[in-house]
Amino acid sequence: MRATAPGPLPGRHQEAIVAVATAPGRGAVGIVRASGRDLGPLIRAVCGRELAPRQATLLDFIGSDGRPLDRGLALHFPAPHSYTGEDVVEFQAHGGAMLLQLLLARCLEAQPGLRLARPGEFTERAFLNDKIDLAQAEAVADLIDASTEAAARSAARSLVGDFSREVQALATRIVELRTLVEATLDFPEEEIDFLERADALGRLATLVDTLDAALLRARQGALLRDGMQVVIAGQPNVGKSSLLNALAGAELAIVTALPGTTRDKVGQTIQIEGVPLHVVDTAGLRHDAEAADEVERIGIGRSWAAIGQADAVLFVHDLARRGEPAYEAAEAVIATRLPAGVPVLDVHNKADLARGELPAQALALSARSGAGLEALRRALLERAGWQAAPEGAVIARARHVQALQAARGHLVAATDQARAQALELMAEELRLAHQALGEITGEFSSDDLLGAIFAGFCIGK
């Protein structure tokens, strides 16, 4: 949580808001949710009566003409015991799209000043009212967007505060050391004794080790959330599309013996041990002069663009053509053009048709038979940097990883200043480390950051 309790919410945050909280389309149940400082007029107008707190009440939802719009459940959560910390009311109606729009319009009409909620505004108010911290608020969206079971479980752990408590514990220990340092600054003659007596270097070393463990878990959580962009590249007819189909377990790409069959990118998200991998099959790489037509040349250009944006490239080699002069020359040209900053995993396909002995330490497989695919999956996880068991990970974002890295840098700098017996500079580095951790939970955050985070939420959440 933030260090200071929030005061009255500014500007638009004082206005009551309402939105359809269920996904668009037809369903058995649809929910219209409202939040504000006083929803009494809305409740009396739509329900025709007061509602008992936190009890579901079956009743008619009354239209402006006094006739029922629908019959459903109404729930009232008085402030501060609600998701947003304000009065919250939910109308659970039948899930017809038109019915929900009529109910939404009735709410807007029933209470003056009530307006449509912006994306993420309910959760933003929960954060501003100190019901959740910023990492927990982000976990709400991550839980909704989770593409794998492991990502969903990790987001749930972040939502209940596991990641926040870990960050807060680190921050508390930094503050304790910072307090000792700043108190000692008033007694310069005791600075050297303090460093030894308080075991400042030992504490800093422990803090760095603890932060490294948190950083590792955060990287794993970021991988669970965002996945990894993997591009399959290579010459025509080396088995790239067959490899995509084998990894996905479905016939996604057309496979023929004709060179240039794949003209554009074909993608599929798969999961390995809960880690989402966004695998993209690309057009075969060869010189423009060798391309059959303009369409294939455009496809090759897109292949190189995809390679440049990849987190990893599977460079597929054809063991059945190994040793052919023209093939080997093209392999060498492609290898020189691969971006230096993109990790490349060499995959030798068609092991069942291999000529001679396989290359030493080669990752050989057969996309047709499936032999060697498990080794490729393990290699992909290793290349992605996956180390933690999914059950122990918490969801994290790139900004969390960056904040932890910044905090680590300041702790290392504080260690250097401690060795130099420069307590004032040490205290400043500790302050900056504390501030970096506070950016994760929202203790230190800018309006621009909050706007960017909550703009990515769905309306009604």
Protein backbone atom coordinates (compact mmCIF):
# COMPACT_ATOMS: atom_id res chain seq x y z
CA MET A 1 0.00 0.00 0.00
CA ARG A 2 1.04 3.60 -0.34
CA ALA A 3 2.75 5.29 2.56
CA THR A 4 0.14 8.03 2.98
CA ALA A 5 -3.61 7.62 3.12
CA PRO A 6 -5.35 9.28 0.16
CA GLY A 7 -7.48 12.37 0.68
CA PRO A 8 -10.65 13.21 -1.24
CA LEU A 9 -10.37 12.04 -4.82
CA PRO A 10 -9.77 14.93 -7.24
CA GLY A 11 -11.93 16.07 -10.16
CA ARG A 12 -13.50 13.31 -12.19
CA HIS A 13 -12.80 10.76 -9.43
CA GLN A 14 -15.54 12.37 -7.34
CA GLU A 15 -18.15 11.60 -10.00
CA ALA A 16 -20.32 8.50 -9.84
CA ILE A 17 -19.66 6.03 -12.68
CA VAL A 18 -21.54 3.16 -14.30
CA ALA A 19 -20.77 0.55 -16.96
CA VAL A 20 -21.73 -2.86 -18.27
CA ALA A 21 -19.32 -5.15 -16.46
CA THR A 22 -19.79 -8.30 -18.55
CA ALA A 23 -18.35 -9.06 -21.96
CA PRO A 24 -20.22 -7.86 -25.09
CA GLY A 25 -22.60 -10.29 -26.70
CA ARG A 26 -25.44 -12.56 -25.65
CA GLY A 27 -25.21 -14.50 -22.38
CA ALA A 28 -27.24 -15.98 -19.58
CA VAL A 29 -26.39 -13.15 -17.16
CA GLY A 30 -25.25 -9.57 -17.68
CA ILE A 31 -24.09 -7.14 -15.00
CA VAL A 32 -24.38 -3.36 -14.84
CA ARG A 33 -22.08 -1.95 -12.13
CA ALA A 34 -22.05 1.54 -10.58
CA SER A 35 -19.68 3.17 -8.09
CA GLY A 36 -19.83 6.55 -6.37
CA ARG A 37 -20.02 8.46 -3.11
CA ASP A 38 -23.80 8.11 -2.77
CA LEU A 39 -25.88 5.80 -4.96
CA GLY A 40 -29.11 6.10 -2.97
CA PRO A 41 -31.03 7.91 -5.76
CA LEU A 42 -29.97 5.27 -8.28
CA ILE A 43 -30.96 2.35 -6.05
CA ARG A 44 -34.37 3.80 -5.20
CA ALA A 45 -35.13 4.69 -8.83
CA VAL A 46 -34.14 1.34 -10.38
CA CYS A 47 -35.12 -0.98 -7.53
CA GLY A 48 -38.04 0.98 -6.08
CA ARG A 49 -36.74 0.36 -2.55
CA GLU A 50 -33.67 0.40 -0.35
CA LEU A 51 -31.33 -2.59 -0.46
CA ALA A 52 -29.93 -4.48 2.50
CA PRO A 53 -26.11 -4.25 2.48
CA ARG A 54 -24.26 -7.17 0.87
CA GLN A 55 -27.40 -9.23 0.30
CA ALA A 56 -28.65 -10.33 -3.11
CA THR A 57 -32.25 -9.19 -3.59
CA LEU A 58 -34.52 -10.55 -6.32
CA LEU A 59 -36.70 -7.75 -7.73
CA ASP A 60 -37.89 -5.92 -10.83
CA PHE A 61 -35.65 -3.31 -12.43
CA ILE A 62 -38.00 -0.38 -13.02
CA GLY A 63 -37.88 1.73 -16.16
CA SER A 64 -38.54 5.47 -16.36
CA ASP A 65 -42.18 4.75 -17.27
CA GLY A 66 -42.68 2.73 -14.08
CA ARG A 67 -42.81 -0.60 -15.90
CA PRO A 68 -40.29 -3.43 -15.31
CA LEU A 69 -37.31 -3.61 -17.65
CA ASP A 70 -36.30 -7.03 -16.33
CA ARG A 71 -36.28 -9.14 -13.19
CA GLY A 72 -32.95 -9.97 -11.58
CA LEU A 73 -30.64 -9.63 -8.59
CA ALA A 74 -29.48 -6.36 -7.05
CA LEU A 75 -26.56 -6.05 -4.61
CA HIS A 76 -25.45 -3.00 -2.65
CA PHE A 77 -21.96 -2.73 -1.12
CA PRO A 78 -21.83 0.43 1.04
CA ALA A 79 -18.54 2.30 1.36
CA PRO A 80 -15.88 1.59 2.41
CA HIS A 81 -16.50 -2.17 2.29
CA SER A 82 -16.55 -2.55 -1.48
CA TYR A 83 -14.18 -3.21 -4.36
CA THR A 84 -13.65 0.49 -5.08
CA GLY A 85 -13.96 1.75 -1.50
CA GLU A 86 -17.06 3.74 -2.56
CA ASP A 87 -20.72 2.78 -2.64
CA VAL A 88 -21.07 0.05 -5.26
CA VAL A 89 -24.28 -1.39 -6.68
CA GLU A 90 -24.61 -4.25 -9.17
CA PHE A 91 -27.67 -5.12 -11.21
CA GLN A 92 -27.52 -8.72 -12.42
CA ALA A 93 -29.95 -9.04 -15.31
CA HIS A 94 -30.44 -11.41 -18.22
CA GLY A 95 -27.53 -11.12 -20.62
CA GLY A 96 -29.13 -9.67 -23.73
CA ALA A 97 -27.08 -6.88 -25.30
CA MET A 98 -30.09 -4.59 -25.89
CA LEU A 99 -31.48 -5.24 -22.40
CA LEU A 100 -28.16 -4.28 -20.78
CA GLN A 101 -28.01 -1.08 -22.82
CA LEU A 102 -31.56 -0.20 -21.71
CA LEU A 103 -30.60 -0.86 -18.09
CA LEU A 104 -27.45 1.23 -18.49
CA ALA A 105 -29.45 4.10 -19.99
CA ARG A 106 -31.93 3.86 -17.12
CA CYS A 107 -29.07 4.20 -14.59
CA LEU A 108 -27.69 7.27 -16.33
CA GLU A 109 -31.13 8.83 -16.31
CA ALA A 110 -31.94 7.87 -12.70
CA GLN A 111 -29.10 9.67 -10.91
CA PRO A 112 -27.90 13.14 -11.94
CA GLY A 113 -24.14 13.34 -12.38
CA LEU A 114 -23.72 9.64 -13.07
CA ARG A 115 -21.51 9.07 -16.12
CA LEU A 116 -20.10 6.19 -18.14
CA ALA A 117 -16.94 4.70 -16.69
CA ARG A 118 -13.69 4.81 -18.61
CA PRO A 119 -11.65 1.60 -19.16
CA GLY A 120 -10.22 0.42 -15.85
CA GLU A 121 -11.82 3.19 -13.79
CA PHE A 122 -13.36 0.88 -11.17
CA THR A 123 -9.97 -0.69 -10.46
CA GLU A 124 -8.28 2.71 -10.61
CA ARG A 125 -10.59 3.91 -7.84
CA ALA A 126 -9.79 0.80 -5.81
CA PHE A 127 -6.13 1.79 -6.06
CA LEU A 128 -6.74 5.48 -5.31
CA ASN A 129 -8.88 4.55 -2.30
CA ASP A 130 -6.07 2.32 -0.99
CA LYS A 131 -8.03 -0.94 -1.38
CA ILE A 132 -5.24 -2.47 -3.51
CA ASP A 133 -1.77 -1.35 -4.55
CA LEU A 134 -0.64 -0.78 -8.11
CA ALA A 135 0.89 -4.23 -8.60
CA GLN A 136 -2.37 -5.83 -7.46
CA ALA A 137 -4.36 -3.55 -9.77
CA GLU A 138 -2.22 -4.66 -12.72
CA ALA A 139 -2.75 -8.28 -11.67
CA VAL A 140 -6.52 -7.80 -12.17
CA ALA A 141 -5.97 -7.11 -15.88
CA ASP A 142 -3.33 -9.84 -16.13
CA LEU A 143 -5.72 -12.40 -14.63
CA ILE A 144 -8.37 -11.47 -17.20
CA ASP A 145 -5.86 -11.59 -20.07
CA ALA A 146 -4.02 -14.76 -18.95
CA SER A 147 -3.51 -17.14 -21.89
CA THR A 148 -2.27 -20.16 -19.91
CA GLU A 149 -3.21 -21.86 -16.64
CA ALA A 150 0.18 -21.03 -15.13
CA ALA A 151 -0.22 -17.35 -16.03
CA ALA A 152 -3.71 -17.28 -14.49
CA ARG A 153 -2.51 -18.90 -11.25
CA SER A 154 0.46 -16.54 -11.06
CA ALA A 155 -1.77 -13.50 -11.66
CA ALA A 156 -4.07 -14.69 -8.88
CA ARG A 157 -1.11 -14.87 -6.50
CA SER A 158 -0.13 -11.32 -7.42
CA LEU A 159 -3.72 -10.18 -6.99
CA VAL A 160 -3.88 -11.44 -3.40
CA GLY A 161 -0.64 -9.59 -2.67
CA ASP A 162 2.16 -12.18 -2.76
CA PHE A 163 4.39 -10.06 -5.02
CA SER A 164 3.50 -6.83 -3.20
CA ARG A 165 4.39 -8.34 0.19
CA GLU A 166 7.76 -9.47 -1.16
CA VAL A 167 8.49 -5.97 -2.48
CA GLN A 168 7.23 -4.37 0.73
CA ALA A 169 9.46 -6.59 2.87
CA LEU A 170 12.47 -5.52 0.82
CA ALA A 171 11.48 -1.86 1.13
CA THR A 172 11.09 -2.18 4.91
CA ARG A 173 14.59 -3.59 5.31
CA ILE A 174 16.02 -0.79 3.16
CA VAL A 175 14.21 1.80 5.26
CA GLU A 176 15.57 0.26 8.47
CA LEU A 177 19.14 0.54 7.20
CA ARG A 178 18.48 3.97 5.77
CA THR A 179 17.15 5.15 9.15
CA LEU A 180 20.32 3.99 10.92
CA VAL A 181 22.53 5.69 8.34
CA GLU A 182 20.71 9.02 8.46
CA ALA A 183 20.62 9.01 12.26
CA THR A 184 24.38 8.48 12.31
CA LEU A 185 25.00 11.46 10.01
CA ASP A 186 24.41 13.77 12.98
CA PHE A 187 27.43 12.23 14.73
CA PRO A 188 30.31 12.26 12.21
CA GLU A 189 32.82 10.91 14.71
CA GLU A 190 30.79 7.68 14.95
CA GLU A 191 30.43 7.00 11.23
CA ILE A 192 33.20 4.43 10.99
CA ASP A 193 32.07 2.68 14.16
CA PHE A 194 28.51 2.61 12.83
CA LEU A 195 29.51 0.84 9.62
CA GLU A 196 31.10 -1.96 11.64
CA ARG A 197 28.63 -2.06 14.53
CA ALA A 198 25.54 -2.14 12.32
CA ASP A 199 27.17 -4.58 9.85
CA ALA A 200 26.16 -2.27 7.03
CA LEU A 201 28.07 -4.20 4.38
CA GLY A 202 26.58 -7.49 5.55
CA ARG A 203 23.07 -6.08 5.48
CA LEU A 204 23.59 -4.67 2.00
CA ALA A 205 24.94 -7.99 0.72
CA THR A 206 21.88 -9.79 2.11
CA LEU A 207 19.58 -7.20 0.55
CA VAL A 208 21.22 -7.62 -2.85
CA ASP A 209 20.89 -11.43 -2.63
CA THR A 210 17.22 -11.15 -1.64
CA LEU A 211 16.56 -8.68 -4.43
CA ASP A 212 18.28 -10.99 -6.94
CA ALA A 213 15.88 -13.78 -5.96
CA ALA A 214 12.92 -11.42 -6.35
CA LEU A 215 14.27 -10.26 -9.70
CA LEU A 216 14.53 -13.85 -10.94
CA ARG A 217 10.92 -14.54 -9.95
CA ALA A 218 9.80 -11.28 -11.57
CA ARG A 219 11.51 -12.20 -14.83
CA GLN A 220 9.74 -15.56 -14.75
CA GLY A 221 6.45 -13.78 -14.06
CA ALA A 222 7.01 -11.37 -16.94
CA LEU A 223 7.69 -14.35 -19.20
CA LEU A 224 4.44 -16.01 -18.07
CA ARG A 225 2.55 -12.80 -18.81
CA ASP A 226 4.09 -11.72 -22.12
CA GLY A 227 5.43 -14.96 -23.50
CA MET A 228 8.18 -15.16 -26.08
CA GLN A 229 8.11 -14.29 -29.78
CA VAL A 230 9.72 -17.19 -31.68
CA VAL A 231 10.28 -16.96 -35.44
CA ILE A 232 10.93 -20.07 -37.56
CA ALA A 233 13.33 -19.13 -40.37
CA GLY A 234 15.34 -20.87 -43.03
CA GLN A 235 15.52 -21.68 -46.72
CA PRO A 236 12.47 -22.89 -48.66
CA ASN A 237 11.48 -26.51 -48.14
CA VAL A 238 13.56 -27.14 -45.01
CA GLY A 239 10.40 -28.01 -43.04
CA LYS A 240 9.52 -24.74 -41.32
CA SER A 241 5.76 -25.14 -41.80
CA SER A 242 5.92 -28.79 -40.77
CA LEU A 243 7.75 -27.74 -37.61
CA LEU A 244 5.07 -25.14 -36.79
CA ASN A 245 2.36 -27.76 -37.29
CA ALA A 246 4.24 -30.25 -35.11
CA LEU A 247 4.74 -27.75 -32.28
CA ALA A 248 1.12 -26.60 -32.45
CA GLY A 249 -0.31 -30.09 -32.84
CA ALA A 250 -2.52 -28.90 -35.71
CA GLU A 251 -2.34 -28.38 -39.45
CA LEU A 252 -2.00 -24.60 -39.41
CA ALA A 253 0.31 -24.08 -42.37
CA ILE A 254 0.08 -25.62 -45.84
CA VAL A 255 2.89 -28.09 -46.44
CA THR A 256 3.92 -29.11 -49.98
CA ALA A 257 7.14 -30.07 -51.76
CA LEU A 258 6.97 -26.87 -53.83
CA PRO A 259 9.47 -24.15 -52.81
CA GLY A 260 7.83 -20.89 -51.77
CA THR A 261 4.55 -22.44 -50.58
CA THR A 262 4.51 -20.17 -47.52
CA ARG A 263 4.10 -16.61 -48.82
CA ASP A 264 3.30 -14.77 -45.59
CA LYS A 265 3.66 -15.15 -41.84
CA VAL A 266 1.57 -17.83 -40.11
CA GLY A 267 1.44 -17.64 -36.33
CA GLN A 268 0.18 -19.68 -33.42
CA THR A 269 0.51 -19.37 -29.64
CA ILE A 270 1.52 -22.59 -27.92
CA GLN A 271 2.45 -23.23 -24.30
CA ILE A 272 5.30 -25.21 -22.84
CA GLU A 273 5.09 -25.79 -19.08
CA GLY A 274 2.66 -22.89 -18.90
CA VAL A 275 4.94 -20.43 -20.76
CA PRO A 276 3.20 -18.94 -23.82
CA LEU A 277 5.31 -18.99 -26.97
CA HIS A 278 4.10 -17.01 -29.97
CA VAL A 279 5.53 -19.05 -32.84
CA VAL A 280 5.63 -17.53 -36.34
CA ASP A 281 6.34 -19.47 -39.53
CA THR A 282 7.85 -17.31 -42.28
CA ALA A 283 8.41 -17.45 -46.01
CA GLY A 284 11.58 -19.27 -47.08
CA LEU A 285 14.65 -17.05 -47.26
CA ARG A 286 16.45 -16.70 -50.56
CA HIS A 287 17.73 -13.98 -52.91
CA ASP A 288 15.12 -11.75 -54.55
CA ALA A 289 16.38 -12.92 -57.95
CA GLU A 290 15.46 -16.50 -57.02
CA ALA A 291 11.94 -15.65 -55.85
CA ALA A 292 9.17 -16.91 -58.10
CA ASP A 293 7.23 -13.63 -58.16
CA GLU A 294 6.64 -10.30 -56.45
CA VAL A 295 4.36 -11.88 -53.83
CA GLU A 296 7.16 -14.19 -52.67
CA ARG A 297 9.62 -11.28 -52.56
CA ILE A 298 7.24 -9.36 -50.30
CA GLY A 299 6.90 -12.45 -48.11
CA ILE A 300 10.68 -12.73 -47.79
CA GLY A 301 10.86 -9.07 -46.78
CA ARG A 302 8.28 -9.68 -44.08
CA SER A 303 10.25 -12.70 -42.91
CA TRP A 304 13.32 -10.55 -42.26
CA ALA A 305 11.18 -7.94 -40.50
CA ALA A 306 9.73 -10.65 -38.21
CA ILE A 307 13.23 -11.98 -37.48
CA GLY A 308 14.34 -8.51 -36.41
CA GLN A 309 11.49 -8.29 -33.88
CA ALA A 310 11.86 -11.83 -32.48
CA ASP A 311 12.90 -12.83 -28.97
CA ALA A 312 14.45 -15.96 -30.50
CA VAL A 313 14.89 -17.44 -33.98
CA LEU A 314 14.66 -21.12 -34.85
CA PHE A 315 17.09 -21.39 -37.79
CA VAL A 316 15.93 -24.59 -39.48
CA HIS A 317 18.49 -26.62 -41.47
CA ASP A 318 17.70 -29.49 -43.86
CA LEU A 319 19.76 -32.57 -43.01
CA ALA A 320 18.65 -34.23 -46.25
CA ARG A 321 20.41 -31.50 -48.29
CA ARG A 322 23.50 -31.14 -46.11
CA GLY A 323 26.66 -30.99 -48.22
CA GLU A 324 25.05 -29.64 -51.40
CA PRO A 325 27.19 -26.65 -52.49
CA ALA A 326 24.33 -24.31 -53.42
CA TYR A 327 22.42 -25.14 -50.24
CA GLU A 328 25.47 -24.65 -47.98
CA ALA A 329 26.32 -21.34 -49.67
CA ALA A 330 22.79 -20.05 -49.05
CA GLU A 331 22.99 -21.20 -45.41
CA ALA A 332 26.15 -19.14 -44.93
CA VAL A 333 24.54 -16.03 -46.45
CA ILE A 334 21.47 -16.31 -44.22
CA ALA A 335 23.64 -16.83 -41.12
CA THR A 336 25.54 -13.59 -41.81
CA ARG A 337 22.29 -11.62 -42.20
CA LEU A 338 20.69 -12.77 -38.92
CA PRO A 339 20.58 -9.84 -36.43
CA ALA A 340 23.39 -9.96 -33.89
CA GLY A 341 21.11 -9.11 -30.96
CA VAL A 342 18.58 -11.92 -31.55
CA PRO A 343 19.29 -15.35 -29.98
CA VAL A 344 19.44 -18.07 -32.65
CA LEU A 345 18.69 -21.72 -32.00
CA ASP A 346 19.94 -24.00 -34.81
CA VAL A 347 17.44 -26.77 -35.52
CA HIS A 348 18.42 -29.62 -37.85
CA ASN A 349 15.25 -31.05 -39.38
CA LYS A 350 14.59 -34.26 -41.34
CA ALA A 351 16.78 -36.38 -39.06
CA ASP A 352 15.07 -39.43 -40.56
CA LEU A 353 16.55 -38.48 -43.97
CA ALA A 354 19.96 -37.34 -42.74
CA ARG A 355 23.02 -37.91 -44.88
CA GLY A 356 25.90 -39.28 -42.82
CA GLU A 357 26.45 -38.56 -39.16
CA LEU A 358 24.60 -35.75 -37.44
CA PRO A 359 26.53 -32.62 -36.40
CA ALA A 360 28.06 -32.86 -32.91
CA GLN A 361 25.79 -31.40 -30.18
CA ALA A 362 23.20 -30.65 -32.88
CA LEU A 363 19.53 -30.25 -32.02
CA ALA A 364 18.25 -32.77 -34.55
CA LEU A 365 14.62 -33.72 -35.03
CA SER A 366 12.01 -34.88 -37.49
CA ALA A 367 8.99 -32.60 -37.75
CA ARG A 368 7.24 -35.37 -39.66
CA SER A 369 7.62 -38.13 -37.05
CA GLY A 370 7.89 -35.92 -33.97
CA ALA A 371 11.24 -37.35 -32.91
CA GLY A 372 13.32 -34.73 -31.09
CA LEU A 373 10.43 -32.29 -30.51
CA GLU A 374 10.63 -32.66 -26.73
CA ALA A 375 14.31 -31.70 -26.79
CA LEU A 376 13.39 -28.63 -28.86
CA ARG A 377 10.72 -27.64 -26.33
CA ARG A 378 13.24 -27.87 -23.49
CA ALA A 379 15.75 -25.86 -25.49
CA LEU A 380 13.15 -23.16 -26.14
CA LEU A 381 12.39 -22.86 -22.43
CA GLU A 382 16.09 -22.65 -21.66
CA ARG A 383 16.57 -19.97 -24.32
CA ALA A 384 13.61 -18.06 -22.90
CA GLY A 385 15.31 -18.04 -19.50
CA TRP A 386 12.65 -20.13 -17.77
CA GLN A 387 14.01 -21.46 -14.47
CA ALA A 388 11.32 -21.26 -11.78
CA ALA A 389 8.53 -23.77 -11.37
CA PRO A 390 5.21 -22.21 -12.54
CA GLU A 391 3.60 -22.98 -9.17
CA GLY A 392 6.04 -20.61 -7.42
CA ALA A 393 5.90 -17.69 -9.85
CA VAL A 394 3.93 -14.49 -9.53
CA ILE A 395 2.85 -12.45 -12.51
CA ALA A 396 5.02 -9.43 -13.25
CA ARG A 397 5.44 -6.80 -15.92
CA ALA A 398 8.43 -5.33 -17.69
CA ARG A 399 8.19 -2.19 -15.55
CA HIS A 400 8.42 -4.32 -12.39
CA VAL A 401 11.60 -5.95 -13.67
CA GLN A 402 13.06 -2.55 -14.58
CA ALA A 403 12.22 -1.15 -11.13
CA LEU A 404 13.86 -4.12 -9.40
CA GLN A 405 16.94 -3.73 -11.60
CA ALA A 406 17.12 -0.04 -10.71
CA ALA A 407 16.80 -0.83 -7.00
CA ARG A 408 19.59 -3.39 -7.29
CA GLY A 409 21.84 -0.86 -9.00
CA HIS A 410 21.31 1.62 -6.18
CA LEU A 411 22.02 -1.04 -3.54
CA VAL A 412 25.29 -1.93 -5.28
CA ALA A 413 26.16 1.78 -5.39
CA ALA A 414 25.27 2.08 -1.68
CA THR A 415 27.70 -0.78 -1.00
CA ASP A 416 30.47 1.08 -2.81
CA GLN A 417 29.76 4.22 -0.79
CA ALA A 418 29.78 2.23 2.46
CA ARG A 419 33.21 0.84 1.62
CA ALA A 420 34.35 4.42 0.94
CA GLN A 421 32.81 5.45 4.29
CA ALA A 422 30.70 8.08 2.49
CA LEU A 423 27.51 7.83 4.54
CA GLU A 424 25.71 10.77 2.93
CA LEU A 425 26.07 9.24 -0.52
CA MET A 426 25.16 5.83 0.88
CA ALA A 427 21.97 7.30 2.38
CA GLU A 428 21.05 8.83 -0.97
CA GLU A 429 21.52 5.53 -2.81
CA LEU A 430 19.34 3.79 -0.23
CA ARG A 431 16.66 6.45 -0.71
CA LEU A 432 16.72 5.91 -4.49
CA ALA A 433 16.51 2.12 -4.03
CA HIS A 434 13.48 2.57 -1.78
CA GLN A 435 11.87 4.89 -4.33
CA ALA A 436 12.44 2.37 -7.15
CA LEU A 437 10.65 -0.34 -5.17
CA GLY A 438 7.83 2.10 -4.37
CA GLU A 439 7.20 2.54 -8.08
CA ILE A 440 6.09 -1.11 -8.25
CA THR A 441 3.33 -0.81 -5.66
CA GLY A 442 2.42 2.79 -6.52
CA GLU A 443 3.88 4.48 -3.46
CA PHE A 444 5.75 6.67 -5.93
CA SER A 445 3.88 6.97 -9.24
CA SER A 446 3.05 9.59 -11.84
CA ASP A 447 -0.34 10.37 -13.34
CA ASP A 448 1.06 9.43 -16.76
CA LEU A 449 1.99 5.97 -15.50
CA LEU A 450 -1.46 5.44 -13.96
CA GLY A 451 -3.15 6.58 -17.16
CA ALA A 452 -1.12 4.18 -19.28
CA ILE A 453 -1.81 1.24 -16.94
CA PHE A 454 -5.56 1.65 -16.51
CA ALA A 455 -6.20 2.58 -20.16
CA GLY A 456 -5.41 -1.05 -21.03
CA PHE A 457 -8.24 -2.43 -18.87
CA CYS A 458 -11.65 -3.42 -20.18
CA ILE A 459 -14.62 -1.15 -19.52
CA GLY A 460 -16.53 -2.18 -16.39
CA LYS A 461 -13.40 -3.32 -14.54
